[in-house]
Amino acid sequence: MTARKKTARKKTAPKKAALKKRAKNVVDRLEKELKEITRQVERRLRPLERELAKAERQAGTGAAKVLRQTRARINKLEIKGHSDLQKFLRKSRAEISKGLTQAEQAVRPKRKKSAARKKKAATRKKRAAAKR
């Protein structure tokens, strides 16, 4: 009598391979769909990001304008009174004005450097490096 063949072991290998292949196909399909969804979301977010940046610049510009006007009004104030009081008020007005100027500069949106300014800065750096 011959030994009985074990066929069950042979059948599991193709099933595992098919299962792996299906899983890989599902993963690949999901990756493609996720890439497409990501593109769509990024495309929709771009205009919102631009609007937000514009609003930030406008808010900074508006705040800087208010600070500038405040500083101008403080500088226009007349100082009357005793000489010691006048001296004190002049110093304090100068300090307040300086503080407002610093606040204005901090709030004001930064300007992008133009090509000419970038070129000037690069040549300055080259000259400084050459002098060393």
Protein backbone atom coordinates (compact mmCIF):
# COMPACT_ATOMS: atom_id res chain seq x y z
CA MET A 1 0.00 0.00 0.00
CA THR A 2 1.26 3.45 -0.88
CA ALA A 3 1.44 6.40 1.46
CA ARG A 4 -1.39 8.84 1.32
CA LYS A 5 -0.59 12.23 -0.24
CA LYS A 6 -1.14 15.35 1.76
CA THR A 7 -2.91 17.71 -0.64
CA ALA A 8 -4.10 20.20 1.93
CA ARG A 9 -0.64 21.72 2.33
CA LYS A 10 -0.37 22.36 -1.39
CA LYS A 11 -3.69 24.20 -1.51
CA THR A 12 -2.86 26.71 1.24
CA ALA A 13 0.13 28.20 -0.55
CA PRO A 14 -1.86 29.46 -3.57
CA LYS A 15 -4.59 30.76 -1.26
CA LYS A 16 -2.03 32.77 0.73
CA ALA A 17 -0.52 34.17 -2.45
CA ALA A 18 -3.94 35.19 -3.77
CA LEU A 19 -4.79 36.77 -0.42
CA LYS A 20 -1.53 38.73 -0.41
CA LYS A 21 -2.14 39.86 -3.96
CA ARG A 22 -5.67 41.06 -3.14
CA ALA A 23 -4.41 42.87 -0.04
CA LYS A 24 -1.68 44.56 -2.10
CA ASN A 25 -4.26 45.62 -4.70
CA VAL A 26 -6.47 47.09 -1.98
CA VAL A 27 -3.53 48.96 -0.46
CA ASP A 28 -2.46 50.30 -3.87
CA ARG A 29 -6.01 51.44 -4.63
CA LEU A 30 -6.26 53.16 -1.24
CA GLU A 31 -2.94 54.93 -1.80
CA LYS A 32 -4.12 56.24 -5.15
CA GLU A 33 -7.40 57.47 -3.65
CA LEU A 34 -5.57 59.11 -0.73
CA LYS A 35 -3.21 60.90 -3.12
CA GLU A 36 -6.18 62.23 -5.09
CA ILE A 37 -7.98 63.34 -1.93
CA THR A 38 -4.78 65.04 -0.71
CA ARG A 39 -4.48 66.94 -3.99
CA GLN A 40 -8.09 68.06 -3.78
CA VAL A 41 -7.73 69.23 -0.18
CA GLU A 42 -4.50 71.11 -0.97
CA ARG A 43 -6.12 72.73 -3.99
CA ARG A 44 -9.05 73.91 -1.88
CA LEU A 45 -6.81 75.11 0.96
CA ARG A 46 -4.49 77.25 -1.20
CA PRO A 47 -6.96 80.13 -1.67
CA LEU A 48 -7.80 80.07 2.04
CA GLU A 49 -4.10 80.25 2.95
CA ARG A 50 -3.66 83.22 0.62
CA GLU A 51 -6.67 84.96 2.17
CA LEU A 52 -5.32 84.35 5.66
CA ALA A 53 -1.90 85.75 4.76
CA LYS A 54 -3.56 88.81 3.21
CA ALA A 55 -5.70 89.36 6.30
CA GLU A 56 -2.62 89.10 8.53
CA ARG A 57 -0.80 91.70 6.43
CA GLN A 58 -3.81 94.02 6.49
CA ALA A 59 -4.19 93.68 10.26
CA GLY A 60 -0.51 94.41 10.76
CA THR A 61 -0.68 97.40 8.45
CA GLY A 62 -3.76 98.74 10.26
CA ALA A 63 -2.16 98.32 13.68
CA ALA A 64 1.02 100.01 12.49
CA LYS A 65 -1.04 102.93 11.18
CA VAL A 66 -2.84 103.34 14.52
CA LEU A 67 0.48 103.28 16.39
CA ARG A 68 1.98 105.83 13.99
CA GLN A 69 -1.00 108.17 14.47
CA THR A 70 -0.79 107.79 18.25
CA ARG A 71 2.90 108.63 18.23
CA ALA A 72 2.24 111.70 16.07
CA ARG A 73 -0.47 112.92 18.45
CA ILE A 74 1.76 112.45 21.48
CA ASN A 75 4.57 114.37 19.80
CA LYS A 76 2.19 117.26 19.02
CA LEU A 77 1.09 117.68 22.64
CA GLU A 78 2.08 120.97 24.18
CA ILE A 79 4.01 120.80 27.41
CA LYS A 80 3.15 123.52 29.92
CA GLY A 81 4.11 123.98 33.52
CA HIS A 82 7.14 124.16 35.77
CA SER A 83 10.56 123.61 34.13
CA ASP A 84 11.20 120.36 36.05
CA LEU A 85 7.81 119.09 35.00
CA GLN A 86 8.49 120.08 31.39
CA LYS A 87 11.79 118.21 31.45
CA PHE A 88 10.12 115.12 32.90
CA LEU A 89 7.29 115.26 30.36
CA ARG A 90 9.72 115.67 27.43
CA LYS A 91 11.68 112.60 28.54
CA SER A 92 8.58 110.53 29.10
CA ARG A 93 7.11 111.64 25.76
CA ALA A 94 10.34 110.61 24.02
CA GLU A 95 10.27 107.21 25.73
CA ILE A 96 6.63 106.65 24.85
CA SER A 97 7.32 107.68 21.26
CA LYS A 98 10.26 105.30 21.10
CA GLY A 99 8.14 102.46 22.49
CA LEU A 100 5.37 103.14 19.99
CA THR A 101 7.90 103.17 17.15
CA GLN A 102 9.25 99.80 18.24
CA ALA A 103 5.73 98.39 18.53
CA GLU A 104 4.90 99.75 15.07
CA GLN A 105 7.97 98.09 13.58
CA ALA A 106 7.12 94.80 15.27
CA VAL A 107 3.54 94.84 14.02
CA ARG A 108 4.24 96.10 10.51
CA PRO A 109 4.29 93.24 7.97
CA LYS A 110 7.71 92.42 6.60
CA ARG A 111 8.27 93.39 2.99
CA LYS A 112 9.76 90.92 0.59
CA LYS A 113 13.19 91.88 -0.65
CA SER A 114 13.29 92.99 -4.24
CA ALA A 115 15.78 91.46 -6.64
CA ALA A 116 17.94 94.60 -6.49
CA ARG A 117 18.06 94.55 -2.69
CA LYS A 118 18.96 90.86 -2.69
CA LYS A 119 21.73 91.52 -5.21
CA LYS A 120 23.10 94.39 -3.10
CA ALA A 121 23.12 92.23 0.03
CA ALA A 122 24.93 89.45 -1.82
CA THR A 123 27.64 91.80 -3.08
CA ARG A 124 28.09 93.23 0.43
CA LYS A 125 28.59 89.72 1.78
CA LYS A 126 31.14 88.95 -0.95
CA ARG A 127 33.08 92.13 -0.23
CA ALA A 128 33.07 91.44 3.50
CA ALA A 129 34.35 87.92 2.89
CA ALA A 130 37.05 89.21 0.52
CA LYS A 131 38.32 91.72 3.14
CA ARG A 132 38.83 88.95 5.71
